[in-house]
Amino acid sequence: PAKSKKRAADDEEPKKDKKAKKEKKPQEPKAEFKIVPSMIDLRVGLITEAKKHPDADALYVEQIELGEDEPRTVVSGLVRFIPIEQMQNRMVVLVCNLKPAAMRGIKSFAMVLCGTSPDGNTVEFVEPPAGSKPGDRVYFEGFEGQEPEPVLKPKQKIFETIQPGLFTNDDCEAGWYNEDKKFHKLLVNGQVCKTATVAKATLK
């Protein structure tokens, strides 16, 4: 019996070690990785062309100038809300580091940031302030000068974590509410981005 007890004790020891090793590994990245809104690459873009998607009635396909070598192709579900005439030569705010995604056969390389009214019936562009240029950095107040992630990895759910706090306030100013309900305005060169008429809009 003494031998069998010793054998059981020996068997238990390596199991404890394995458990300890398993517990340590996930803790390390968690300590380093804190999701903040500056991880999202937001830039001013100019829609130079917009047309209906050939295979989807609700989608536009836009060419958007960002100050890069080539304009980006962007697909947006805005047909129900914004007439095609109002899609031309518009300055907009773009989320530039989402993973490119095909939408009904056409790959989209960014997302136009829009505000949706509380009742869901009105959608408007988040508009950069006057004097903004394609490629200008768009940032949240208090997070100036921080570099965004090169690409938002879907598994990390960075945009999905920040997005529920993105709103316009009573003055139609765009921004992000943190956990303490402090409003960080969305800025370009120190000036705030706004929607035309929609207050308390959700931004996405």
N, C-alpha and C. Protein backbone atom coordinates (compact mmCIF):
# COMPACT_ATOMS: atom_id res chain seq x y z
N PRO A 1 0.81 -1.22 0.00
CA PRO A 1 0.00 0.00 0.00
C PRO A 1 0.84 1.27 0.00
N ALA A 2 1.96 1.27 0.77
CA ALA A 2 2.84 2.44 0.81
C ALA A 2 3.38 2.74 -0.57
N LYS A 3 3.77 1.66 -1.29
CA LYS A 3 4.31 1.88 -2.64
C LYS A 3 3.26 2.48 -3.56
N SER A 4 2.05 1.95 -3.48
CA SER A 4 1.01 2.46 -4.38
C SER A 4 0.69 3.92 -4.07
N LYS A 5 0.73 4.31 -2.76
CA LYS A 5 0.51 5.72 -2.40
C LYS A 5 1.59 6.61 -3.00
N LYS A 6 2.85 6.12 -2.92
CA LYS A 6 3.97 6.89 -3.45
C LYS A 6 3.82 7.07 -4.96
N ARG A 7 3.40 5.95 -5.61
CA ARG A 7 3.24 6.01 -7.07
C ARG A 7 2.15 7.04 -7.43
N ALA A 8 1.06 7.03 -6.64
CA ALA A 8 -0.02 7.99 -6.90
C ALA A 8 0.47 9.42 -6.72
N ALA A 9 1.28 9.64 -5.69
CA ALA A 9 1.82 10.98 -5.45
C ALA A 9 2.72 11.40 -6.60
N ASP A 10 3.56 10.45 -7.08
CA ASP A 10 4.44 10.76 -8.21
C ASP A 10 3.64 11.13 -9.45
N ASP A 11 2.53 10.40 -9.63
CA ASP A 11 1.68 10.67 -10.80
C ASP A 11 1.06 12.06 -10.74
N GLU A 12 0.75 12.51 -9.51
CA GLU A 12 0.07 13.79 -9.36
C GLU A 12 0.99 14.97 -9.65
N GLU A 13 2.29 14.82 -9.28
CA GLU A 13 3.21 15.96 -9.40
C GLU A 13 3.32 16.51 -10.82
N PRO A 14 3.61 15.64 -11.82
CA PRO A 14 3.72 16.21 -13.15
C PRO A 14 2.42 16.84 -13.64
N LYS A 15 1.27 16.31 -13.18
CA LYS A 15 0.00 16.90 -13.60
C LYS A 15 -0.12 18.33 -13.10
N LYS A 16 0.33 18.58 -11.87
CA LYS A 16 0.28 19.92 -11.31
C LYS A 16 1.15 20.86 -12.15
N ASP A 17 2.36 20.36 -12.53
CA ASP A 17 3.27 21.18 -13.34
C ASP A 17 2.63 21.56 -14.67
N LYS A 18 1.99 20.57 -15.30
CA LYS A 18 1.35 20.83 -16.60
C LYS A 18 0.26 21.89 -16.45
N LYS A 19 -0.52 21.78 -15.38
CA LYS A 19 -1.58 22.75 -15.15
C LYS A 19 -1.01 24.16 -14.98
N ALA A 20 0.07 24.24 -14.20
CA ALA A 20 0.70 25.53 -13.94
C ALA A 20 1.18 26.15 -15.25
N LYS A 21 1.79 25.32 -16.11
CA LYS A 21 2.27 25.84 -17.39
C LYS A 21 1.10 26.33 -18.25
N LYS A 22 0.03 25.56 -18.28
CA LYS A 22 -1.12 25.93 -19.10
C LYS A 22 -1.73 27.25 -18.62
N GLU A 23 -1.75 27.46 -17.30
CA GLU A 23 -2.35 28.68 -16.75
C GLU A 23 -1.53 29.92 -17.08
N LYS A 24 -0.20 29.76 -17.11
CA LYS A 24 0.67 30.92 -17.32
C LYS A 24 0.53 31.48 -18.75
N LYS A 25 0.45 30.62 -19.74
CA LYS A 25 0.52 31.06 -21.13
C LYS A 25 -0.54 32.08 -21.53
N PRO A 26 -1.84 31.85 -21.28
CA PRO A 26 -2.82 32.83 -21.75
C PRO A 26 -2.74 34.18 -21.04
N GLN A 27 -2.17 34.22 -19.83
CA GLN A 27 -2.15 35.46 -19.06
C GLN A 27 -1.22 36.51 -19.69
N GLU A 28 -0.12 36.07 -20.33
CA GLU A 28 0.87 37.03 -20.81
C GLU A 28 0.32 37.98 -21.86
N PRO A 29 -0.29 37.47 -22.99
CA PRO A 29 -0.80 38.42 -23.97
C PRO A 29 -1.92 39.31 -23.45
N LYS A 30 -2.74 38.79 -22.52
CA LYS A 30 -3.85 39.58 -21.99
C LYS A 30 -3.33 40.84 -21.30
N ALA A 31 -2.25 40.72 -20.59
CA ALA A 31 -1.70 41.86 -19.87
C ALA A 31 -1.24 42.94 -20.85
N GLU A 32 -0.68 42.54 -22.01
CA GLU A 32 -0.15 43.51 -22.98
C GLU A 32 -1.25 44.09 -23.86
N PHE A 33 -2.29 43.34 -24.15
CA PHE A 33 -3.24 43.71 -25.20
C PHE A 33 -4.47 44.38 -24.63
N LYS A 34 -4.47 45.71 -24.73
CA LYS A 34 -5.65 46.46 -24.29
C LYS A 34 -6.24 47.14 -25.52
N ILE A 35 -7.54 46.95 -25.73
CA ILE A 35 -8.17 47.51 -26.92
C ILE A 35 -8.50 48.98 -26.67
N VAL A 36 -7.97 49.84 -27.55
CA VAL A 36 -8.24 51.29 -27.49
C VAL A 36 -8.65 51.76 -28.89
N PRO A 37 -9.41 52.87 -28.97
CA PRO A 37 -9.93 53.28 -30.27
C PRO A 37 -8.86 53.70 -31.28
N SER A 38 -7.68 54.07 -30.79
CA SER A 38 -6.61 54.49 -31.71
C SER A 38 -6.07 53.32 -32.54
N MET A 39 -6.46 52.09 -32.21
CA MET A 39 -6.06 50.94 -33.03
C MET A 39 -6.77 50.94 -34.39
N ILE A 40 -7.90 51.68 -34.48
CA ILE A 40 -8.65 51.75 -35.73
C ILE A 40 -8.04 52.83 -36.61
N ASP A 41 -7.70 52.48 -37.84
CA ASP A 41 -7.08 53.41 -38.79
C ASP A 41 -8.19 54.19 -39.51
N LEU A 42 -8.45 55.39 -39.02
CA LEU A 42 -9.49 56.25 -39.60
C LEU A 42 -8.83 57.37 -40.39
N ARG A 43 -9.29 57.54 -41.64
CA ARG A 43 -8.71 58.59 -42.49
C ARG A 43 -9.79 59.28 -43.31
N VAL A 44 -9.47 60.49 -43.73
CA VAL A 44 -10.38 61.24 -44.61
C VAL A 44 -10.25 60.68 -46.02
N GLY A 45 -11.39 60.47 -46.67
CA GLY A 45 -11.40 60.03 -48.06
C GLY A 45 -12.32 60.89 -48.89
N LEU A 46 -12.06 60.94 -50.20
CA LEU A 46 -12.91 61.67 -51.14
C LEU A 46 -13.51 60.66 -52.12
N ILE A 47 -14.84 60.54 -52.12
CA ILE A 47 -15.50 59.66 -53.09
C ILE A 47 -15.42 60.35 -54.45
N THR A 48 -14.67 59.75 -55.37
CA THR A 48 -14.54 60.35 -56.71
C THR A 48 -15.54 59.75 -57.70
N GLU A 49 -16.06 58.55 -57.37
CA GLU A 49 -17.04 57.92 -58.24
C GLU A 49 -17.88 56.96 -57.41
N ALA A 50 -19.18 56.92 -57.68
CA ALA A 50 -20.06 55.96 -57.02
C ALA A 50 -21.07 55.46 -58.03
N LYS A 51 -21.26 54.15 -58.07
CA LYS A 51 -22.27 53.58 -58.97
C LYS A 51 -22.93 52.40 -58.27
N LYS A 52 -24.05 51.98 -58.80
CA LYS A 52 -24.78 50.85 -58.22
C LYS A 52 -23.97 49.56 -58.44
N HIS A 53 -24.01 48.68 -57.45
CA HIS A 53 -23.40 47.35 -57.57
C HIS A 53 -24.17 46.58 -58.65
N PRO A 54 -23.46 45.94 -59.59
CA PRO A 54 -24.18 45.24 -60.68
C PRO A 54 -25.04 44.07 -60.21
N ASP A 55 -24.71 43.50 -59.03
CA ASP A 55 -25.43 42.30 -58.58
C ASP A 55 -26.15 42.46 -57.24
N ALA A 56 -26.29 43.70 -56.77
CA ALA A 56 -26.95 43.90 -55.46
C ALA A 56 -27.63 45.26 -55.45
N ASP A 57 -28.94 45.28 -55.34
CA ASP A 57 -29.72 46.53 -55.40
C ASP A 57 -29.43 47.49 -54.26
N ALA A 58 -29.02 46.95 -53.10
CA ALA A 58 -28.85 47.81 -51.92
C ALA A 58 -27.44 48.38 -51.79
N LEU A 59 -26.53 48.00 -52.69
CA LEU A 59 -25.11 48.36 -52.52
C LEU A 59 -24.63 49.36 -53.57
N TYR A 60 -23.78 50.28 -53.11
CA TYR A 60 -23.00 51.13 -54.02
C TYR A 60 -21.57 50.60 -54.08
N VAL A 61 -20.92 50.85 -55.22
CA VAL A 61 -19.48 50.60 -55.34
C VAL A 61 -18.82 51.96 -55.58
N GLU A 62 -17.92 52.33 -54.68
CA GLU A 62 -17.28 53.65 -54.77
C GLU A 62 -15.78 53.51 -55.04
N GLN A 63 -15.25 54.53 -55.70
CA GLN A 63 -13.80 54.73 -55.77
C GLN A 63 -13.49 55.90 -54.83
N ILE A 64 -12.59 55.65 -53.88
CA ILE A 64 -12.34 56.67 -52.85
C ILE A 64 -10.85 57.00 -52.79
N GLU A 65 -10.57 58.28 -52.95
CA GLU A 65 -9.21 58.80 -52.94
C GLU A 65 -8.75 59.01 -51.50
N LEU A 66 -7.57 58.44 -51.18
CA LEU A 66 -7.05 58.53 -49.81
C LEU A 66 -5.64 59.11 -49.76
N GLY A 67 -5.21 59.66 -50.89
CA GLY A 67 -3.83 60.14 -50.94
C GLY A 67 -2.83 59.02 -51.13
N GLU A 68 -3.32 57.82 -51.48
CA GLU A 68 -2.45 56.68 -51.77
C GLU A 68 -2.20 56.62 -53.27
N ASP A 69 -1.36 55.65 -53.72
CA ASP A 69 -1.05 55.54 -55.15
C ASP A 69 -2.29 55.31 -56.00
N GLU A 70 -3.22 54.51 -55.46
CA GLU A 70 -4.45 54.20 -56.19
C GLU A 70 -5.65 54.47 -55.28
N PRO A 71 -6.79 54.85 -55.86
CA PRO A 71 -8.00 54.94 -55.02
C PRO A 71 -8.41 53.56 -54.53
N ARG A 72 -9.14 53.51 -53.44
CA ARG A 72 -9.62 52.22 -52.92
C ARG A 72 -11.05 51.98 -53.41
N THR A 73 -11.33 50.72 -53.73
CA THR A 73 -12.70 50.32 -54.03
C THR A 73 -13.40 49.99 -52.72
N VAL A 74 -14.57 50.59 -52.52
CA VAL A 74 -15.32 50.39 -51.27
C VAL A 74 -16.78 50.09 -51.64
N VAL A 75 -17.33 49.08 -50.99
CA VAL A 75 -18.73 48.70 -51.21
C VAL A 75 -19.53 49.09 -49.95
N SER A 76 -20.62 49.80 -50.17
CA SER A 76 -21.41 50.32 -49.03
C SER A 76 -22.90 50.05 -49.24
N GLY A 77 -23.58 49.64 -48.19
CA GLY A 77 -25.03 49.37 -48.25
C GLY A 77 -25.85 50.61 -47.97
N LEU A 78 -25.73 51.63 -48.84
CA LEU A 78 -26.34 52.93 -48.57
C LEU A 78 -27.43 53.32 -49.57
N VAL A 79 -27.75 52.45 -50.50
CA VAL A 79 -28.70 52.81 -51.58
C VAL A 79 -30.04 53.28 -51.01
N ARG A 80 -30.53 52.63 -49.96
CA ARG A 80 -31.83 52.98 -49.37
C ARG A 80 -31.83 54.34 -48.68
N PHE A 81 -30.64 54.81 -48.33
CA PHE A 81 -30.57 55.98 -47.45
C PHE A 81 -29.99 57.23 -48.11
N ILE A 82 -29.07 57.06 -49.05
CA ILE A 82 -28.39 58.22 -49.65
C ILE A 82 -28.52 58.14 -51.17
N PRO A 83 -29.16 59.13 -51.81
CA PRO A 83 -29.28 59.11 -53.28
C PRO A 83 -27.91 59.13 -53.94
N ILE A 84 -27.82 58.51 -55.11
CA ILE A 84 -26.52 58.38 -55.78
C ILE A 84 -25.91 59.74 -56.10
N GLU A 85 -26.75 60.74 -56.33
CA GLU A 85 -26.23 62.09 -56.63
C GLU A 85 -25.44 62.64 -55.43
N GLN A 86 -25.87 62.26 -54.21
CA GLN A 86 -25.18 62.76 -53.00
C GLN A 86 -23.94 61.93 -52.64
N MET A 87 -23.68 60.91 -53.44
CA MET A 87 -22.49 60.06 -53.21
C MET A 87 -21.28 60.59 -53.98
N GLN A 88 -21.49 61.54 -54.88
CA GLN A 88 -20.41 62.01 -55.75
C GLN A 88 -19.62 63.14 -55.09
N ASN A 89 -18.29 63.03 -55.21
CA ASN A 89 -17.39 64.09 -54.69
C ASN A 89 -17.69 64.47 -53.25
N ARG A 90 -17.88 63.44 -52.43
CA ARG A 90 -18.15 63.66 -51.00
C ARG A 90 -16.91 63.34 -50.18
N MET A 91 -16.65 64.22 -49.21
CA MET A 91 -15.59 63.94 -48.24
C MET A 91 -16.20 63.08 -47.13
N VAL A 92 -15.52 61.99 -46.81
CA VAL A 92 -16.05 61.03 -45.83
C VAL A 92 -14.93 60.60 -44.88
N VAL A 93 -15.33 59.85 -43.85
CA VAL A 93 -14.36 59.23 -42.94
C VAL A 93 -14.38 57.73 -43.22
N LEU A 94 -13.18 57.17 -43.39
CA LEU A 94 -13.07 55.75 -43.73
C LEU A 94 -12.36 54.97 -42.64
N VAL A 95 -12.87 53.76 -42.37
CA VAL A 95 -12.14 52.78 -41.57
C VAL A 95 -11.26 52.01 -42.56
N CYS A 96 -9.93 52.19 -42.44
CA CYS A 96 -9.02 51.71 -43.49
C CYS A 96 -8.31 50.40 -43.18
N ASN A 97 -8.39 49.90 -41.95
CA ASN A 97 -7.61 48.69 -41.64
C ASN A 97 -8.47 47.48 -41.30
N LEU A 98 -9.74 47.49 -41.74
CA LEU A 98 -10.52 46.25 -41.68
C LEU A 98 -9.97 45.28 -42.71
N LYS A 99 -10.11 43.99 -42.46
CA LYS A 99 -9.67 43.01 -43.44
C LYS A 99 -10.56 43.14 -44.69
N PRO A 100 -9.96 43.26 -45.90
CA PRO A 100 -10.79 43.37 -47.11
C PRO A 100 -11.78 42.22 -47.21
N ALA A 101 -13.01 42.54 -47.66
CA ALA A 101 -14.08 41.53 -47.72
C ALA A 101 -14.84 41.66 -49.03
N ALA A 102 -15.14 40.53 -49.65
CA ALA A 102 -15.93 40.54 -50.89
C ALA A 102 -17.41 40.69 -50.55
N MET A 103 -18.05 41.61 -51.24
CA MET A 103 -19.49 41.81 -51.05
C MET A 103 -20.18 41.61 -52.39
N ARG A 104 -20.85 40.48 -52.50
CA ARG A 104 -21.51 40.08 -53.74
C ARG A 104 -20.54 40.13 -54.92
N GLY A 105 -19.34 39.59 -54.68
CA GLY A 105 -18.39 39.41 -55.78
C GLY A 105 -17.42 40.56 -55.99
N ILE A 106 -17.59 41.69 -55.28
CA ILE A 106 -16.66 42.81 -55.42
C ILE A 106 -15.99 43.04 -54.08
N LYS A 107 -14.66 43.07 -54.10
CA LYS A 107 -13.91 43.20 -52.84
C LYS A 107 -13.91 44.66 -52.37
N SER A 108 -14.20 44.85 -51.09
CA SER A 108 -14.23 46.17 -50.48
C SER A 108 -13.00 46.34 -49.60
N PHE A 109 -12.28 47.47 -49.77
CA PHE A 109 -11.01 47.66 -49.10
C PHE A 109 -11.05 48.71 -47.98
N ALA A 110 -12.25 49.10 -47.58
CA ALA A 110 -12.41 50.02 -46.44
C ALA A 110 -13.91 50.07 -46.13
N MET A 111 -14.26 50.87 -45.11
CA MET A 111 -15.67 51.05 -44.76
C MET A 111 -15.92 52.53 -44.52
N VAL A 112 -16.98 53.05 -45.14
CA VAL A 112 -17.37 54.44 -44.93
C VAL A 112 -18.09 54.53 -43.59
N LEU A 113 -17.64 55.44 -42.73
CA LEU A 113 -18.25 55.59 -41.41
C LEU A 113 -19.51 56.46 -41.53
N CYS A 114 -20.63 55.93 -41.07
CA CYS A 114 -21.92 56.63 -41.15
C CYS A 114 -22.60 56.62 -39.79
N GLY A 115 -23.52 57.56 -39.63
CA GLY A 115 -24.33 57.63 -38.42
C GLY A 115 -25.76 57.22 -38.73
N THR A 116 -26.33 56.35 -37.90
CA THR A 116 -27.71 55.88 -38.08
C THR A 116 -28.56 56.44 -36.94
N SER A 117 -29.70 57.03 -37.30
CA SER A 117 -30.59 57.62 -36.30
C SER A 117 -31.13 56.55 -35.36
N PRO A 118 -31.56 56.94 -34.15
CA PRO A 118 -32.07 55.96 -33.18
C PRO A 118 -33.22 55.11 -33.73
N ASP A 119 -34.05 55.68 -34.63
CA ASP A 119 -35.15 54.88 -35.18
C ASP A 119 -34.74 54.04 -36.39
N GLY A 120 -33.49 54.21 -36.84
CA GLY A 120 -32.98 53.41 -37.95
C GLY A 120 -33.41 53.87 -39.33
N ASN A 121 -34.15 54.98 -39.42
CA ASN A 121 -34.68 55.42 -40.71
C ASN A 121 -33.77 56.38 -41.47
N THR A 122 -32.81 56.98 -40.78
CA THR A 122 -31.93 57.95 -41.42
C THR A 122 -30.48 57.53 -41.25
N VAL A 123 -29.73 57.55 -42.34
CA VAL A 123 -28.29 57.27 -42.30
C VAL A 123 -27.57 58.42 -43.00
N GLU A 124 -26.57 58.97 -42.33
CA GLU A 124 -25.80 60.08 -42.89
C GLU A 124 -24.31 59.80 -42.76
N PHE A 125 -23.53 60.38 -43.67
CA PHE A 125 -22.08 60.29 -43.55
C PHE A 125 -21.60 61.00 -42.29
N VAL A 126 -20.55 60.44 -41.67
CA VAL A 126 -19.77 61.22 -40.71
C VAL A 126 -18.84 62.08 -41.57
N GLU A 127 -19.01 63.40 -41.48
CA GLU A 127 -18.29 64.29 -42.39
C GLU A 127 -17.09 64.93 -41.69
N PRO A 128 -15.93 64.89 -42.37
CA PRO A 128 -14.77 65.58 -41.80
C PRO A 128 -14.97 67.10 -41.87
N PRO A 129 -14.25 67.85 -41.02
CA PRO A 129 -14.43 69.31 -41.02
C PRO A 129 -13.92 69.96 -42.30
N ALA A 130 -14.38 71.16 -42.55
CA ALA A 130 -13.94 71.92 -43.72
C ALA A 130 -12.42 72.06 -43.70
N GLY A 131 -11.81 71.96 -44.89
CA GLY A 131 -10.35 72.08 -44.98
C GLY A 131 -9.63 70.74 -44.89
N SER A 132 -10.37 69.66 -44.61
CA SER A 132 -9.74 68.33 -44.55
C SER A 132 -9.33 67.89 -45.95
N LYS A 133 -8.27 67.08 -46.03
CA LYS A 133 -7.78 66.58 -47.31
C LYS A 133 -7.75 65.06 -47.30
N PRO A 134 -7.90 64.42 -48.47
CA PRO A 134 -7.81 62.96 -48.52
C PRO A 134 -6.50 62.46 -47.90
N GLY A 135 -6.63 61.49 -47.03
CA GLY A 135 -5.45 60.92 -46.36
C GLY A 135 -5.20 61.50 -44.98
N ASP A 136 -5.87 62.61 -44.63
CA ASP A 136 -5.69 63.18 -43.28
C ASP A 136 -6.10 62.16 -42.23
N ARG A 137 -5.33 62.09 -41.16
CA ARG A 137 -5.63 61.17 -40.07
C ARG A 137 -6.84 61.67 -39.27
N VAL A 138 -7.73 60.75 -38.96
CA VAL A 138 -8.89 61.04 -38.12
C VAL A 138 -8.66 60.31 -36.79
N TYR A 139 -8.78 61.01 -35.67
CA TYR A 139 -8.40 60.42 -34.38
C TYR A 139 -9.36 60.86 -33.29
N PHE A 140 -9.33 60.12 -32.20
CA PHE A 140 -10.20 60.44 -31.07
C PHE A 140 -9.44 61.34 -30.09
N GLU A 141 -10.14 62.34 -29.59
CA GLU A 141 -9.59 63.27 -28.60
C GLU A 141 -9.02 62.47 -27.43
N GLY A 142 -7.77 62.78 -27.07
CA GLY A 142 -7.13 62.05 -25.98
C GLY A 142 -6.29 60.88 -26.46
N PHE A 143 -6.37 60.55 -27.74
CA PHE A 143 -5.60 59.43 -28.30
C PHE A 143 -4.74 59.91 -29.48
N GLU A 144 -4.35 61.18 -29.45
CA GLU A 144 -3.55 61.76 -30.52
C GLU A 144 -2.19 61.07 -30.63
N GLY A 145 -1.71 60.95 -31.85
CA GLY A 145 -0.34 60.48 -32.07
C GLY A 145 -0.11 59.00 -31.86
N GLN A 146 -1.15 58.23 -31.65
CA GLN A 146 -0.98 56.78 -31.45
C GLN A 146 -1.19 56.06 -32.78
N GLU A 147 -0.30 55.12 -33.08
CA GLU A 147 -0.36 54.42 -34.36
C GLU A 147 -1.44 53.35 -34.37
N PRO A 148 -2.24 53.28 -35.45
CA PRO A 148 -3.25 52.22 -35.54
C PRO A 148 -2.61 50.87 -35.87
N GLU A 149 -3.38 49.81 -35.71
CA GLU A 149 -2.94 48.48 -36.12
C GLU A 149 -2.85 48.44 -37.65
N PRO A 150 -1.88 47.68 -38.22
CA PRO A 150 -1.81 47.58 -39.69
C PRO A 150 -3.10 46.97 -40.26
N VAL A 151 -3.57 45.89 -39.63
CA VAL A 151 -4.84 45.26 -40.02
C VAL A 151 -5.56 44.84 -38.75
N LEU A 152 -6.87 45.07 -38.70
CA LEU A 152 -7.66 44.61 -37.55
C LEU A 152 -7.95 43.13 -37.74
N LYS A 153 -7.32 42.30 -36.91
CA LYS A 153 -7.51 40.86 -37.04
C LYS A 153 -8.90 40.48 -36.50
N PRO A 154 -9.69 39.76 -37.32
CA PRO A 154 -11.06 39.44 -36.89
C PRO A 154 -11.14 38.78 -35.51
N LYS A 155 -10.16 37.91 -35.19
CA LYS A 155 -10.21 37.20 -33.90
C LYS A 155 -10.08 38.15 -32.71
N GLN A 156 -9.38 39.26 -32.89
CA GLN A 156 -9.18 40.19 -31.77
C GLN A 156 -10.40 41.06 -31.50
N LYS A 157 -11.31 41.14 -32.47
CA LYS A 157 -12.57 41.88 -32.31
C LYS A 157 -12.35 43.32 -31.81
N ILE A 158 -11.39 44.01 -32.42
CA ILE A 158 -11.08 45.38 -31.99
C ILE A 158 -12.21 46.33 -32.35
N PHE A 159 -12.61 46.33 -33.62
CA PHE A 159 -13.69 47.23 -34.03
C PHE A 159 -14.99 46.89 -33.31
N GLU A 160 -15.25 45.59 -33.16
CA GLU A 160 -16.48 45.14 -32.50
C GLU A 160 -16.52 45.57 -31.03
N THR A 161 -15.35 45.72 -30.40
CA THR A 161 -15.27 46.15 -29.00
C THR A 161 -15.51 47.66 -28.87
N ILE A 162 -14.96 48.43 -29.81
CA ILE A 162 -15.06 49.89 -29.75
C ILE A 162 -16.40 50.39 -30.29
N GLN A 163 -16.91 49.73 -31.33
CA GLN A 163 -18.08 50.25 -32.05
C GLN A 163 -19.31 50.55 -31.17
N PRO A 164 -19.63 49.70 -30.16
CA PRO A 164 -20.81 50.02 -29.34
C PRO A 164 -20.73 51.37 -28.61
N GLY A 165 -19.53 51.96 -28.50
CA GLY A 165 -19.38 53.27 -27.86
C GLY A 165 -19.33 54.42 -28.84
N LEU A 166 -19.47 54.14 -30.15
CA LEU A 166 -19.39 55.20 -31.16
C LEU A 166 -20.77 55.82 -31.40
N PHE A 167 -20.87 57.13 -31.18
CA PHE A 167 -22.14 57.84 -31.31
C PHE A 167 -21.89 59.28 -31.77
N THR A 168 -22.98 59.95 -32.13
CA THR A 168 -22.93 61.41 -32.16
C THR A 168 -23.63 61.90 -30.89
N ASN A 169 -23.21 63.08 -30.42
CA ASN A 169 -23.83 63.66 -29.23
C ASN A 169 -25.03 64.54 -29.65
N ASP A 170 -25.55 65.31 -28.72
CA ASP A 170 -26.72 66.15 -29.00
C ASP A 170 -26.44 67.21 -30.07
N ASP A 171 -25.16 67.54 -30.27
CA ASP A 171 -24.77 68.55 -31.27
C ASP A 171 -24.32 67.92 -32.58
N CYS A 172 -24.62 66.62 -32.77
CA CYS A 172 -24.26 65.88 -33.99
C CYS A 172 -22.75 65.69 -34.15
N GLU A 173 -21.99 65.91 -33.06
CA GLU A 173 -20.54 65.69 -33.10
C GLU A 173 -20.25 64.20 -32.90
N ALA A 174 -19.36 63.66 -33.74
CA ALA A 174 -19.03 62.24 -33.66
C ALA A 174 -17.97 61.99 -32.60
N GLY A 175 -18.05 60.82 -31.97
CA GLY A 175 -17.03 60.48 -30.97
C GLY A 175 -17.28 59.12 -30.36
N TRP A 176 -16.53 58.87 -29.31
CA TRP A 176 -16.57 57.56 -28.63
C TRP A 176 -16.73 57.75 -27.14
N TYR A 177 -17.72 57.06 -26.56
CA TYR A 177 -17.91 57.06 -25.11
C TYR A 177 -17.10 55.91 -24.52
N ASN A 178 -16.20 56.22 -23.57
CA ASN A 178 -15.45 55.15 -22.91
C ASN A 178 -16.30 54.52 -21.80
N GLU A 179 -15.70 53.62 -21.06
CA GLU A 179 -16.45 52.90 -20.01
C GLU A 179 -17.02 53.84 -18.96
N ASP A 180 -16.36 54.98 -18.75
CA ASP A 180 -16.83 55.95 -17.75
C ASP A 180 -17.78 56.98 -18.35
N LYS A 181 -18.24 56.72 -19.58
CA LYS A 181 -19.17 57.61 -20.30
C LYS A 181 -18.55 58.97 -20.61
N LYS A 182 -17.22 59.02 -20.67
CA LYS A 182 -16.55 60.25 -21.12
C LYS A 182 -16.54 60.23 -22.64
N PHE A 183 -16.91 61.36 -23.26
CA PHE A 183 -17.03 61.45 -24.72
C PHE A 183 -15.73 61.97 -25.32
N HIS A 184 -15.10 61.16 -26.16
CA HIS A 184 -13.88 61.55 -26.86
C HIS A 184 -14.26 61.91 -28.29
N LYS A 185 -14.19 63.19 -28.64
CA LYS A 185 -14.62 63.63 -29.97
C LYS A 185 -13.71 63.08 -31.06
N LEU A 186 -14.30 62.89 -32.24
CA LEU A 186 -13.58 62.41 -33.42
C LEU A 186 -13.08 63.64 -34.18
N LEU A 187 -11.76 63.75 -34.32
CA LEU A 187 -11.16 65.00 -34.80
C LEU A 187 -10.30 64.79 -36.05
N VAL A 188 -10.20 65.87 -36.83
CA VAL A 188 -9.21 65.98 -37.92
C VAL A 188 -8.52 67.32 -37.72
N ASN A 189 -7.21 67.29 -37.50
CA ASN A 189 -6.45 68.53 -37.27
C ASN A 189 -7.08 69.41 -36.19
N GLY A 190 -7.61 68.76 -35.15
CA GLY A 190 -8.16 69.49 -34.01
C GLY A 190 -9.61 69.93 -34.16
N GLN A 191 -10.20 69.69 -35.34
CA GLN A 191 -11.60 70.07 -35.59
C GLN A 191 -12.49 68.82 -35.59
N VAL A 192 -13.72 68.97 -35.11
CA VAL A 192 -14.57 67.79 -34.89
C VAL A 192 -15.29 67.36 -36.18
N CYS A 193 -15.49 66.05 -36.33
CA CYS A 193 -16.30 65.47 -37.41
C CYS A 193 -17.75 65.43 -36.95
N LYS A 194 -18.68 65.60 -37.90
CA LYS A 194 -20.10 65.67 -37.53
C LYS A 194 -20.97 64.96 -38.57
N THR A 195 -22.19 64.61 -38.16
CA THR A 195 -23.22 64.26 -39.12
C THR A 195 -24.01 65.54 -39.42
N ALA A 196 -24.75 65.54 -40.54
CA ALA A 196 -25.47 66.75 -40.95
C ALA A 196 -26.60 67.10 -39.98
N THR A 197 -27.40 66.08 -39.61
CA THR A 197 -28.60 66.39 -38.80
C THR A 197 -28.87 65.39 -37.67
N VAL A 198 -28.21 64.22 -37.70
CA VAL A 198 -28.62 63.16 -36.79
C VAL A 198 -27.83 63.21 -35.47
N ALA A 199 -28.55 63.53 -34.40
CA ALA A 199 -27.97 63.49 -33.05
C ALA A 199 -28.23 62.10 -32.45
N LYS A 200 -27.36 61.71 -31.51
CA LYS A 200 -27.48 60.40 -30.84
C LYS A 200 -27.49 59.23 -31.84
N ALA A 201 -26.76 59.45 -32.96
CA ALA A 201 -26.65 58.39 -33.97
C ALA A 201 -25.65 57.34 -33.53
N THR A 202 -25.90 56.10 -33.89
CA THR A 202 -24.86 55.07 -33.73
C THR A 202 -23.98 55.11 -34.96
N LEU A 203 -22.68 54.96 -34.76
CA LEU A 203 -21.72 55.08 -35.86
C LEU A 203 -21.21 53.69 -36.24
N LYS A 204 -21.27 53.39 -37.53
CA LYS A 204 -20.72 52.14 -38.04
C LYS A 204 -20.59 52.20 -39.55
